[in-house]
Amino acid sequence: MSDNKPMELSAEELDNVAGGAVGLTNAFVENKLDTQASLVNIGANGGIQSAQTQTTTESKQALNELKLTGEFPGVPGGFFSAS
């Protein structure tokens, strides 16, 4: 049986063990709606009728998340710590 026991570490202790950590999150939402309508009706013994309609709906979403831990080459030690 192992002598390892679970223990709770502070953020600073976790940084010391992991060598630093960083998390980046980027979210993007774009919604578009375009509605057009047209009607022409000329009567009274003549006859012109016209009707147009247009509907455009577009929706885009993106969620990007990046999490890194450990030593980063070229990044000074303690760069990501809270102090």
C-alpha atoms as a PDB file:
ATOM      1  CA  MET A   1       0.000   0.000   0.000  1.00  0.00           C
ATOM      2  CA  SER A   2       1.226   3.476  -0.861  1.00  0.00           C
ATOM      3  CA  ASP A   3       2.083   6.143   1.706  1.00  0.00           C
ATOM      4  CA  ASN A   4       0.636   8.803  -0.607  1.00  0.00           C
ATOM      5  CA  LYS A   5      -2.169  10.740   1.016  1.00  0.00           C
ATOM      6  CA  PRO A   6      -4.362  13.391  -0.606  1.00  0.00           C
ATOM      7  CA  MET A   7      -3.600  16.937   0.437  1.00  0.00           C
ATOM      8  CA  GLU A   8      -4.974  20.322  -0.468  1.00  0.00           C
ATOM      9  CA  LEU A   9      -2.481  22.782  -1.936  1.00  0.00           C
ATOM     10  CA  SER A  10      -2.701  26.554  -2.173  1.00  0.00           C
ATOM     11  CA  ALA A  11      -2.384  28.309  -5.528  1.00  0.00           C
ATOM     12  CA  GLU A  12       1.236  29.184  -4.736  1.00  0.00           C
ATOM     13  CA  GLU A  13       2.054  25.584  -3.768  1.00  0.00           C
ATOM     14  CA  LEU A  14       0.438  24.335  -6.980  1.00  0.00           C
ATOM     15  CA  ASP A  15       2.559  26.789  -8.986  1.00  0.00           C
ATOM     16  CA  ASN A  16       5.686  25.533  -7.224  1.00  0.00           C
ATOM     17  CA  VAL A  17       4.804  21.908  -7.975  1.00  0.00           C
ATOM     18  CA  ALA A  18       3.629  22.430 -11.552  1.00  0.00           C
ATOM     19  CA  GLY A  19       6.239  25.033 -12.434  1.00  0.00           C
ATOM     20  CA  GLY A  20       3.567  27.542 -13.452  1.00  0.00           C
ATOM     21  CA  ALA A  21       0.235  27.446 -15.184  1.00  0.00           C
ATOM     22  CA  VAL A  22      -1.736  29.640 -17.539  1.00  0.00           C
ATOM     23  CA  GLY A  23      -5.249  29.495 -18.943  1.00  0.00           C
ATOM     24  CA  LEU A  24      -6.524  31.546 -21.878  1.00  0.00           C
ATOM     25  CA  THR A  25     -10.161  31.679 -23.003  1.00  0.00           C
ATOM     26  CA  ASN A  26     -11.628  33.458 -26.020  1.00  0.00           C
ATOM     27  CA  ALA A  27     -15.320  33.550 -26.958  1.00  0.00           C
ATOM     28  CA  PHE A  28     -16.925  34.921 -30.125  1.00  0.00           C
ATOM     29  CA  VAL A  29     -20.628  35.298 -30.950  1.00  0.00           C
ATOM     30  CA  GLU A  30     -22.044  36.876 -34.096  1.00  0.00           C
ATOM     31  CA  ASN A  31     -25.737  36.972 -35.020  1.00  0.00           C
ATOM     32  CA  LYS A  32     -27.122  38.611 -38.167  1.00  0.00           C
ATOM     33  CA  LEU A  33     -30.701  39.017 -39.335  1.00  0.00           C
ATOM     34  CA  ASP A  34     -31.782  40.714 -42.578  1.00  0.00           C
ATOM     35  CA  THR A  35     -35.467  40.859 -43.524  1.00  0.00           C
ATOM     36  CA  GLN A  36     -36.899  42.750 -46.503  1.00  0.00           C
ATOM     37  CA  ALA A  37     -40.414  42.852 -47.952  1.00  0.00           C
ATOM     38  CA  SER A  38     -41.976  44.732 -50.849  1.00  0.00           C
ATOM     39  CA  LEU A  39     -45.419  44.779 -52.486  1.00  0.00           C
ATOM     40  CA  VAL A  40     -46.670  46.894 -55.400  1.00  0.00           C
ATOM     41  CA  ASN A  41     -50.279  46.636 -56.568  1.00  0.00           C
ATOM     42  CA  ILE A  42     -51.621  49.096 -59.141  1.00  0.00           C
ATOM     43  CA  GLY A  43     -55.170  48.226 -60.050  1.00  0.00           C
ATOM     44  CA  ALA A  44     -58.168  50.290 -61.212  1.00  0.00           C
ATOM     45  CA  ASN A  45     -58.580  48.664 -64.620  1.00  0.00           C
ATOM     46  CA  GLY A  46     -54.861  48.162 -65.044  1.00  0.00           C
ATOM     47  CA  GLY A  47     -52.759  45.468 -63.685  1.00  0.00           C
ATOM     48  CA  ILE A  48     -49.337  45.556 -62.162  1.00  0.00           C
ATOM     49  CA  GLN A  49     -48.601  43.375 -59.208  1.00  0.00           C
ATOM     50  CA  SER A  50     -45.240  42.636 -57.692  1.00  0.00           C
ATOM     51  CA  ALA A  51     -44.033  41.011 -54.505  1.00  0.00           C
ATOM     52  CA  GLN A  52     -40.540  40.448 -53.153  1.00  0.00           C
ATOM     53  CA  THR A  53     -39.296  39.067 -49.892  1.00  0.00           C
ATOM     54  CA  GLN A  54     -35.872  38.225 -48.524  1.00  0.00           C
ATOM     55  CA  THR A  55     -34.777  36.663 -45.270  1.00  0.00           C
ATOM     56  CA  THR A  56     -31.149  36.141 -44.294  1.00  0.00           C
ATOM     57  CA  THR A  57     -30.164  34.693 -40.946  1.00  0.00           C
ATOM     58  CA  GLU A  58     -26.602  33.900 -39.909  1.00  0.00           C
ATOM     59  CA  SER A  59     -25.237  32.839 -36.550  1.00  0.00           C
ATOM     60  CA  LYS A  60     -21.638  32.032 -35.600  1.00  0.00           C
ATOM     61  CA  GLN A  61     -20.211  30.989 -32.255  1.00  0.00           C
ATOM     62  CA  ALA A  62     -16.702  29.995 -31.244  1.00  0.00           C
ATOM     63  CA  LEU A  63     -15.142  29.117 -27.900  1.00  0.00           C
ATOM     64  CA  ASN A  64     -11.396  28.551 -27.652  1.00  0.00           C
ATOM     65  CA  GLU A  65      -9.691  27.525 -24.442  1.00  0.00           C
ATOM     66  CA  LEU A  66      -5.998  26.873 -23.863  1.00  0.00           C
ATOM     67  CA  LYS A  67      -4.532  25.605 -20.584  1.00  0.00           C
ATOM     68  CA  LEU A  68      -0.823  25.023 -20.047  1.00  0.00           C
ATOM     69  CA  THR A  69       1.168  23.820 -17.057  1.00  0.00           C
ATOM     70  CA  GLY A  70       4.809  23.147 -16.439  1.00  0.00           C
ATOM     71  CA  GLU A  71       7.967  24.946 -17.449  1.00  0.00           C
ATOM     72  CA  PHE A  72       7.816  27.104 -20.566  1.00  0.00           C
ATOM     73  CA  PRO A  73      11.085  27.549 -22.469  1.00  0.00           C
ATOM     74  CA  GLY A  74      11.981  31.223 -22.697  1.00  0.00           C
ATOM     75  CA  VAL A  75       9.531  32.298 -19.946  1.00  0.00           C
ATOM     76  CA  PRO A  76      11.186  33.375 -16.668  1.00  0.00           C
ATOM     77  CA  GLY A  77      10.404  31.256 -13.604  1.00  0.00           C
ATOM     78  CA  GLY A  78       7.523  32.621 -11.528  1.00  0.00           C
ATOM     79  CA  PHE A  79       6.203  34.680 -14.471  1.00  0.00           C
ATOM     80  CA  PHE A  80       2.685  33.248 -14.071  1.00  0.00           C
ATOM     81  CA  SER A  81       2.556  33.433 -10.261  1.00  0.00           C
ATOM     82  CA  ALA A  82       0.124  35.801  -8.539  1.00  0.00           C
ATOM     83  CA  SER A  83       2.797  37.707  -6.587  1.00  0.00           C
END
